[in-house]
Amino acid sequence: MFQAINNALDIALGKDPSAIIFGEDVGFGGVFRCTLGLQDKYGKDRVFNTPLCEQGIAGFGIGAAAAGSTAIAEIQFADYIFPAFDQLVNEAAKYRYRSGNTFDCGNLTVRSTWGAVGHGGLYHSQCPEAYFAHTPGLKIVVPRGALKAKGLLLSCIQDRDPCIFFEPKILYRGAVDDVPLKEFTLPLGKADILLEGDAVTLVGWGTQVHVLLEAAQLAQKELGVSCEVIDLVTILPWDRETVCNSVKKTGRALIAHEAPLTAGFGSEVASVIQVVSARFPNPGTLGLRGSPLPSILMNRRRSPCSTESGTTFYLALWPGFRLRQTDNVYVEECFLHLESPIQRVTGFDTPFPHIFEPFYLPDKWRCFDAIKKSVNY
């Protein structure tokens, strides 16, 4: 996967003379070799090291993007992105809104390694996607492999909103795909159904997708049930439509992620599944370009919705269409289709352990046990 990321960065630098890459140790290739050879090819003024200051890296990226550069920042480990939290949440995410769309830093992409690696301990293993998912104005992406990494990274670089691109570090050399050398992009905000089934919907992202595929195979072998496996791909905005349609079909749902249970992003997915009707602000009243509105607003050309006054209308694809109504939009979800309680298989509410990492991570056996509980409920 690291080679696919390197190739995507090479394409971005070659195509866009304003593109720059910066971060700790990126000049010699970075600790995971994702920027290897790029400084030699494009020069030290376009690929350069920064001080060990994540807040400064993010702040510099915001300024560079606002000034017109395509800024590609690297935070060496997601565990160290927290000093940059204020810059990303209070500045990058709000830049367009606070200026009334006069300025923006949409050319900013922040790459960071993410997740467990087998020996990282508490400072090199965390999954902080849920912290950022609470922030309108950002897009958050977690690829599951090399092909997705290249296409999604190029999409993030070209997107007009600031993006955080989390790269599962254990997949740098563990995920192998046939990846085209030419440029291509993959859609943000659209989940992938990797395995179709009718018994349980399994939802994950990043490394956990591979665990869920193994759990689904185990369930087929041991229980004789077929599970539908969904890679969420994008955390913000996430694809509610694909997930809810799947749960309506299977009647059961399991969400797995490495981050701790409490307030993990699985809580948001479970919450949306369990809502009888969801209420979202009318996009015509927000004045935000590229706002992470529900995917039912983003991924369907015509979605039947109803207003507070009871009037039924069809909602066109966001953001190319602006509604003129000022009331809120209600969207039916899938609570009444559930046959059993939603299962969450996650990390525990403790700091990430070192020697106990195998017991902390949601492996295929924990996922299989949750599938069995759901089916036998």
Protein backbone atom coordinates (compact mmCIF):
# COMPACT_ATOMS: atom_id res chain seq x y z
CA MET A 1 0.00 0.00 0.00
CA PHE A 2 2.84 2.41 0.71
CA GLN A 3 3.90 2.15 -2.95
CA ALA A 4 0.39 3.07 -4.11
CA ILE A 5 0.44 6.11 -1.82
CA ASN A 6 3.87 7.09 -3.11
CA ASN A 7 2.58 6.79 -6.68
CA ALA A 8 -0.46 8.95 -5.89
CA LEU A 9 1.76 11.65 -4.37
CA ASP A 10 4.07 11.46 -7.40
CA ILE A 11 1.09 11.98 -9.71
CA ALA A 12 -0.18 14.91 -7.65
CA LEU A 13 3.21 16.66 -7.68
CA GLY A 14 3.72 16.03 -11.38
CA LYS A 15 0.27 17.25 -12.36
CA ASP A 16 0.03 20.31 -10.11
CA PRO A 17 3.03 22.67 -9.92
CA SER A 18 1.53 24.29 -6.82
CA ALA A 19 1.49 21.00 -4.88
CA ILE A 20 3.85 20.70 -1.91
CA ILE A 21 4.51 17.89 0.57
CA PHE A 22 5.79 18.61 4.06
CA GLY A 23 6.09 16.94 7.43
CA GLU A 24 8.53 15.24 9.75
CA ASP A 25 11.19 13.29 7.83
CA VAL A 26 9.32 13.33 4.50
CA GLY A 27 12.43 14.63 2.75
CA PHE A 28 14.19 11.28 2.95
CA GLY A 29 11.04 9.24 2.42
CA GLY A 30 9.37 9.23 5.82
CA VAL A 31 9.51 6.49 8.42
CA PHE A 32 7.16 4.34 6.32
CA ARG A 33 8.82 5.28 2.97
CA CYS A 34 5.65 6.78 1.48
CA THR A 35 7.50 9.85 0.13
CA LEU A 36 10.61 7.97 -0.98
CA GLY A 37 12.36 9.59 -3.94
CA LEU A 38 9.96 12.52 -4.24
CA GLN A 39 12.37 15.16 -2.94
CA ASP A 40 15.03 14.00 -5.39
CA LYS A 41 12.54 14.23 -8.24
CA TYR A 42 10.77 17.50 -7.36
CA GLY A 43 13.26 19.40 -5.26
CA LYS A 44 13.57 20.59 -1.68
CA ASP A 45 11.23 23.53 -2.23
CA ARG A 46 8.31 21.17 -2.91
CA VAL A 47 9.06 18.20 -0.64
CA PHE A 48 10.60 19.27 2.65
CA ASN A 49 10.96 18.44 6.31
CA THR A 50 9.35 20.44 9.09
CA PRO A 51 10.17 20.80 12.78
CA LEU A 52 8.56 18.32 15.17
CA CYS A 53 5.53 20.53 15.69
CA GLU A 54 2.19 19.11 14.55
CA GLN A 55 0.35 22.33 15.31
CA GLY A 56 2.82 24.16 13.11
CA ILE A 57 2.51 21.59 10.32
CA ALA A 58 -1.27 21.97 10.26
CA GLY A 59 -1.15 25.75 10.59
CA PHE A 60 1.38 26.04 7.78
CA GLY A 61 -0.78 23.77 5.62
CA ILE A 62 -3.85 25.92 6.21
CA GLY A 63 -1.97 29.05 5.27
CA ALA A 64 -0.40 27.47 2.19
CA ALA A 65 -3.77 26.14 1.00
CA ALA A 66 -5.48 29.48 1.60
CA ALA A 67 -2.75 31.18 -0.43
CA GLY A 68 -3.37 28.86 -3.39
CA SER A 69 -1.00 25.91 -2.94
CA THR A 70 -2.13 22.31 -2.94
CA ALA A 71 -0.87 21.47 0.55
CA ILE A 72 -0.24 17.82 1.45
CA ALA A 73 0.83 17.55 5.08
CA GLU A 74 2.05 14.43 6.85
CA ILE A 75 1.50 13.81 10.55
CA GLN A 76 3.86 10.95 11.29
CA PHE A 77 1.48 9.13 13.66
CA ALA A 78 -2.20 9.80 14.26
CA ASP A 79 -1.45 9.66 17.98
CA TYR A 80 0.44 12.93 17.54
CA ILE A 81 -2.26 14.73 15.60
CA PHE A 82 -3.79 16.07 18.80
CA PRO A 83 -1.49 19.12 19.09
CA ALA A 84 -2.87 20.04 15.64
CA PHE A 85 -6.47 19.48 16.72
CA ASP A 86 -7.21 23.17 17.27
CA GLN A 87 -5.82 24.14 13.87
CA LEU A 88 -7.79 21.44 12.04
CA VAL A 89 -11.07 21.76 13.94
CA ASN A 90 -11.23 25.49 14.64
CA GLU A 91 -9.40 26.85 11.60
CA ALA A 92 -9.31 24.44 8.64
CA ALA A 93 -12.87 23.16 9.08
CA LYS A 94 -14.37 26.63 9.56
CA TYR A 95 -12.26 28.75 7.20
CA ARG A 96 -14.81 28.89 4.40
CA TYR A 97 -17.79 29.36 6.69
CA ARG A 98 -16.30 32.14 8.81
CA SER A 99 -15.28 34.10 5.72
CA GLY A 100 -18.66 33.79 4.04
CA ASN A 101 -17.10 31.67 1.29
CA THR A 102 -14.62 34.44 0.48
CA PHE A 103 -11.63 32.29 1.45
CA ASP A 104 -11.05 28.59 2.00
CA CYS A 105 -8.30 26.08 2.64
CA GLY A 106 -9.93 23.28 0.67
CA ASN A 107 -6.61 22.45 -0.98
CA LEU A 108 -5.36 20.97 2.30
CA THR A 109 -4.93 17.21 2.73
CA VAL A 110 -3.50 15.84 5.96
CA ARG A 111 -2.09 12.32 5.78
CA SER A 112 -1.44 10.36 8.95
CA THR A 113 -0.67 6.77 9.89
CA TRP A 114 -3.41 5.14 11.91
CA GLY A 115 -4.28 2.06 13.94
CA ALA A 116 -2.55 -0.90 15.48
CA VAL A 117 0.67 -2.30 14.08
CA GLY A 118 1.47 -5.18 16.44
CA HIS A 119 3.94 -3.47 18.75
CA GLY A 120 3.07 0.21 18.82
CA GLY A 121 1.79 0.57 22.37
CA LEU A 122 -0.27 3.47 23.57
CA TYR A 123 1.45 6.23 21.54
CA HIS A 124 1.66 4.58 18.12
CA SER A 125 -1.60 2.66 17.76
CA GLN A 126 -4.58 4.95 18.25
CA CYS A 127 -7.56 5.53 15.95
CA PRO A 128 -8.78 9.12 16.44
CA GLU A 129 -11.31 9.33 13.61
CA ALA A 130 -14.28 9.84 15.95
CA TYR A 131 -12.75 13.03 17.39
CA PHE A 132 -12.76 14.66 13.96
CA ALA A 133 -16.07 13.18 12.81
CA HIS A 134 -17.82 15.63 15.12
CA THR A 135 -16.56 18.54 13.01
CA PRO A 136 -18.57 19.84 10.04
CA GLY A 137 -16.28 21.06 7.27
CA LEU A 138 -13.77 18.19 7.31
CA LYS A 139 -13.74 15.00 5.29
CA ILE A 140 -12.25 11.87 6.87
CA VAL A 141 -11.13 8.85 4.87
CA VAL A 142 -9.67 5.46 5.88
CA PRO A 143 -8.65 3.11 3.01
CA ARG A 144 -8.61 -0.67 3.35
CA GLY A 145 -5.88 -1.39 0.81
CA ALA A 146 -3.55 -0.22 -1.93
CA LEU A 147 -6.09 0.33 -4.73
CA LYS A 148 -8.44 2.29 -2.50
CA ALA A 149 -5.55 4.23 -0.97
CA LYS A 150 -4.36 5.60 -4.30
CA GLY A 151 -7.77 6.49 -5.68
CA LEU A 152 -9.06 8.00 -2.45
CA LEU A 153 -5.87 9.97 -1.76
CA LEU A 154 -6.02 11.56 -5.21
CA SER A 155 -9.68 12.37 -4.59
CA CYS A 156 -8.79 14.03 -1.28
CA ILE A 157 -6.01 16.07 -2.89
CA GLN A 158 -8.39 17.28 -5.61
CA ASP A 159 -11.36 17.82 -3.28
CA ARG A 160 -12.36 21.37 -2.40
CA ASP A 161 -12.69 20.66 1.32
CA PRO A 162 -9.89 19.95 3.80
CA CYS A 163 -9.44 16.19 4.14
CA ILE A 164 -7.84 13.99 6.78
CA PHE A 165 -6.54 10.78 5.24
CA PHE A 166 -5.81 8.08 7.82
CA GLU A 167 -3.55 5.27 6.56
CA PRO A 168 -3.65 1.93 8.45
CA LYS A 169 0.04 1.43 9.07
CA ILE A 170 -0.15 -2.35 9.35
CA LEU A 171 -1.42 -2.40 5.75
CA TYR A 172 1.53 -0.45 4.31
CA ARG A 173 3.20 -3.75 3.49
CA GLY A 174 0.34 -6.10 4.30
CA ALA A 175 -2.19 -4.93 1.72
CA VAL A 176 -1.37 -5.89 -1.87
CA ASP A 177 -3.50 -5.05 -4.91
CA ASP A 178 -3.08 -4.67 -8.64
CA VAL A 179 -3.01 -0.88 -8.85
CA PRO A 180 -3.02 0.99 -12.18
CA LEU A 181 -0.07 3.33 -12.61
CA LYS A 182 -2.21 5.94 -14.32
CA GLU A 183 -4.19 8.56 -12.45
CA PHE A 184 -7.64 7.62 -11.18
CA THR A 185 -9.94 8.75 -8.39
CA LEU A 186 -12.54 7.04 -6.25
CA PRO A 187 -15.64 8.71 -4.80
CA LEU A 188 -15.65 10.10 -1.27
CA GLY A 189 -18.72 9.48 0.86
CA LYS A 190 -19.59 6.16 -0.81
CA ALA A 191 -19.33 2.83 1.03
CA ASP A 192 -18.36 -0.46 -0.65
CA ILE A 193 -20.30 -3.71 -0.31
CA LEU A 194 -17.50 -6.28 -0.37
CA LEU A 195 -19.58 -9.36 0.32
CA GLU A 196 -23.32 -9.71 -0.16
CA GLY A 197 -25.45 -11.57 2.34
CA ASP A 198 -28.87 -11.68 3.97
CA ALA A 199 -28.30 -12.58 7.64
CA VAL A 200 -26.19 -9.85 9.28
CA THR A 201 -24.74 -6.55 8.07
CA LEU A 202 -21.10 -6.16 9.13
CA VAL A 203 -19.73 -2.59 8.99
CA GLY A 204 -16.10 -1.56 9.41
CA TRP A 205 -13.34 0.55 7.92
CA GLY A 206 -9.59 0.33 7.43
CA THR A 207 -7.92 -2.77 8.84
CA GLN A 208 -11.12 -3.98 10.44
CA VAL A 209 -12.69 -4.68 7.07
CA HIS A 210 -10.31 -7.62 6.59
CA VAL A 211 -11.22 -8.96 10.03
CA LEU A 212 -14.92 -8.77 9.19
CA LEU A 213 -14.38 -10.68 5.94
CA GLU A 214 -12.71 -13.46 7.94
CA ALA A 215 -15.55 -13.40 10.47
CA ALA A 216 -18.10 -13.63 7.65
CA GLN A 217 -16.34 -16.70 6.24
CA LEU A 218 -16.32 -18.25 9.69
CA ALA A 219 -20.04 -17.55 10.13
CA GLN A 220 -20.80 -19.16 6.78
CA LYS A 221 -18.79 -22.25 7.72
CA GLU A 222 -19.90 -22.66 11.34
CA LEU A 223 -23.43 -21.21 11.34
CA GLY A 224 -24.47 -21.51 7.72
CA VAL A 225 -25.41 -17.82 7.53
CA SER A 226 -24.34 -15.29 4.91
CA CYS A 227 -23.14 -11.91 6.14
CA GLU A 228 -23.03 -8.69 4.16
CA VAL A 229 -19.69 -6.90 4.66
CA ILE A 230 -19.56 -3.14 4.14
CA ASP A 231 -16.44 -0.99 4.08
CA LEU A 232 -17.56 2.46 5.16
CA VAL A 233 -14.49 3.98 3.38
CA THR A 234 -15.34 7.55 4.37
CA ILE A 235 -16.06 8.43 7.99
CA LEU A 236 -17.21 11.93 7.18
CA PRO A 237 -19.45 12.14 5.24
CA TRP A 238 -20.46 8.50 5.68
CA ASP A 239 -22.80 6.55 3.46
CA ARG A 240 -25.99 6.17 5.49
CA GLU A 241 -27.97 4.97 2.51
CA THR A 242 -25.86 1.89 1.78
CA VAL A 243 -25.69 0.87 5.43
CA CYS A 244 -29.39 1.39 6.11
CA ASN A 245 -30.49 -0.38 2.95
CA SER A 246 -28.35 -3.36 3.94
CA VAL A 247 -29.75 -3.45 7.49
CA LYS A 248 -33.28 -3.25 6.12
CA LYS A 249 -32.45 -6.38 4.13
CA THR A 250 -30.66 -8.39 6.84
CA GLY A 251 -32.43 -7.12 9.95
CA ARG A 252 -29.21 -7.30 11.95
CA ALA A 253 -26.09 -5.15 12.26
CA LEU A 254 -22.61 -5.43 13.69
CA ILE A 255 -20.14 -2.53 13.72
CA ALA A 256 -16.47 -3.12 14.47
CA HIS A 257 -13.60 -0.69 14.99
CA GLU A 258 -10.27 -0.58 16.80
CA ALA A 259 -11.01 2.63 18.73
CA PRO A 260 -12.52 2.40 22.24
CA LEU A 261 -16.20 1.58 22.64
CA THR A 262 -17.44 4.77 24.29
CA ALA A 263 -18.19 7.47 21.70
CA GLY A 264 -16.44 5.50 18.96
CA PHE A 265 -17.80 6.18 15.49
CA GLY A 266 -19.72 2.92 15.68
CA SER A 267 -22.00 4.72 18.14
CA GLU A 268 -23.00 7.15 15.39
CA VAL A 269 -23.66 4.36 12.91
CA ALA A 270 -25.73 2.44 15.45
CA SER A 271 -27.63 5.59 16.37
CA VAL A 272 -28.64 6.33 12.79
CA ILE A 273 -29.73 2.73 12.23
CA GLN A 274 -31.94 2.87 15.32
CA VAL A 275 -33.58 6.21 14.57
CA VAL A 276 -37.15 5.84 13.32
CA SER A 277 -36.94 9.12 11.41
CA ALA A 278 -33.90 11.33 11.17
CA ARG A 279 -34.12 15.14 11.16
CA PHE A 280 -31.47 17.08 9.26
CA PRO A 281 -31.17 20.82 8.55
CA ASN A 282 -32.37 21.89 5.15
CA PRO A 283 -29.20 22.32 3.03
CA GLY A 284 -30.67 25.43 1.44
CA THR A 285 -30.38 27.26 4.76
CA LEU A 286 -26.77 26.38 5.57
CA GLY A 287 -24.81 28.31 2.94
CA LEU A 288 -21.99 25.78 3.18
CA ARG A 289 -20.23 24.39 0.14
CA GLY A 290 -19.30 20.75 0.49
CA SER A 291 -20.80 20.49 3.97
CA PRO A 292 -20.82 16.89 5.24
CA LEU A 293 -24.58 16.48 5.07
CA PRO A 294 -26.17 13.04 5.27
CA SER A 295 -25.30 10.80 2.38
CA ILE A 296 -28.98 10.46 1.55
CA LEU A 297 -28.57 14.08 0.48
CA MET A 298 -25.30 13.40 -1.29
CA ASN A 299 -25.59 10.03 -2.98
CA ARG A 300 -29.15 9.88 -4.29
CA ARG A 301 -30.37 11.90 -7.21
CA ARG A 302 -33.98 11.85 -6.11
CA SER A 303 -34.88 10.93 -2.54
CA PRO A 304 -38.50 11.13 -1.33
CA CYS A 305 -38.57 13.28 1.82
CA SER A 306 -41.18 15.16 3.79
CA THR A 307 -41.17 18.57 5.42
CA GLU A 308 -42.41 19.57 8.84
CA SER A 309 -45.63 20.72 7.20
CA GLY A 310 -46.11 17.25 5.72
CA THR A 311 -45.41 18.22 2.13
CA THR A 312 -43.64 15.47 0.17
CA PHE A 313 -40.98 16.52 -2.29
CA TYR A 314 -37.95 15.06 -4.01
CA LEU A 315 -34.49 16.03 -2.85
CA ALA A 316 -31.90 16.38 -5.59
CA LEU A 317 -28.18 15.67 -5.38
CA TRP A 318 -26.23 17.93 -2.97
CA PRO A 319 -24.30 20.24 -3.44
CA GLY A 320 -25.43 20.99 -6.99
CA PHE A 321 -28.97 21.78 -5.88
CA ARG A 322 -30.30 24.20 -3.26
CA LEU A 323 -33.73 23.73 -1.70
CA ARG A 324 -35.81 26.84 -1.26
CA GLN A 325 -37.90 25.48 1.61
CA THR A 326 -36.71 26.61 5.03
CA ASP A 327 -38.03 23.80 7.21
CA ASN A 328 -36.17 20.63 8.15
CA VAL A 329 -35.88 17.40 6.19
CA TYR A 330 -37.03 14.08 7.61
CA VAL A 331 -35.65 10.79 6.31
CA GLU A 332 -36.95 7.35 7.17
CA GLU A 333 -34.33 4.99 8.65
CA CYS A 334 -34.40 1.30 9.50
CA PHE A 335 -35.18 0.75 13.20
CA LEU A 336 -38.42 -1.12 12.51
CA HIS A 337 -36.55 -3.61 10.31
CA LEU A 338 -34.24 -4.79 13.11
CA GLU A 339 -34.56 -8.40 14.28
CA SER A 340 -31.97 -8.13 17.09
CA PRO A 341 -30.00 -5.49 18.99
CA ILE A 342 -27.11 -3.88 17.14
CA GLN A 343 -23.75 -5.36 18.10
CA ARG A 344 -20.56 -3.32 18.54
CA VAL A 345 -17.18 -5.04 18.64
CA THR A 346 -14.44 -2.56 19.48
CA GLY A 347 -11.36 -1.77 21.48
CA PHE A 348 -11.81 -1.35 25.20
CA ASP A 349 -12.12 1.83 27.22
CA THR A 350 -8.48 1.78 28.28
CA PRO A 351 -5.25 3.22 26.90
CA PHE A 352 -3.98 1.07 24.03
CA PRO A 353 -1.90 -1.72 25.60
CA HIS A 354 1.44 -3.05 24.43
CA ILE A 355 1.79 -6.73 25.31
CA PHE A 356 -2.00 -7.16 25.58
CA GLU A 357 -2.69 -5.79 22.09
CA PRO A 358 -4.02 -9.16 20.81
CA PHE A 359 -6.67 -9.12 23.54
CA TYR A 360 -7.55 -5.47 22.92
CA LEU A 361 -8.21 -5.62 19.19
CA PRO A 362 -11.56 -6.87 17.85
CA ASP A 363 -10.41 -10.04 16.12
CA LYS A 364 -12.43 -12.46 14.01
CA TRP A 365 -13.37 -14.56 17.03
CA ARG A 366 -14.91 -11.64 18.91
CA CYS A 367 -16.74 -10.61 15.74
CA PHE A 368 -17.92 -14.18 15.15
CA ASP A 369 -19.23 -14.38 18.71
CA ALA A 370 -21.21 -11.16 18.14
CA ILE A 371 -22.62 -12.55 14.87
CA LYS A 372 -23.73 -15.68 16.71
CA LYS A 373 -25.44 -13.64 19.43
CA SER A 374 -27.23 -11.55 16.83
CA VAL A 375 -28.44 -14.55 14.82
CA ASN A 376 -29.57 -16.49 17.92
CA TYR A 377 -31.32 -13.55 19.57
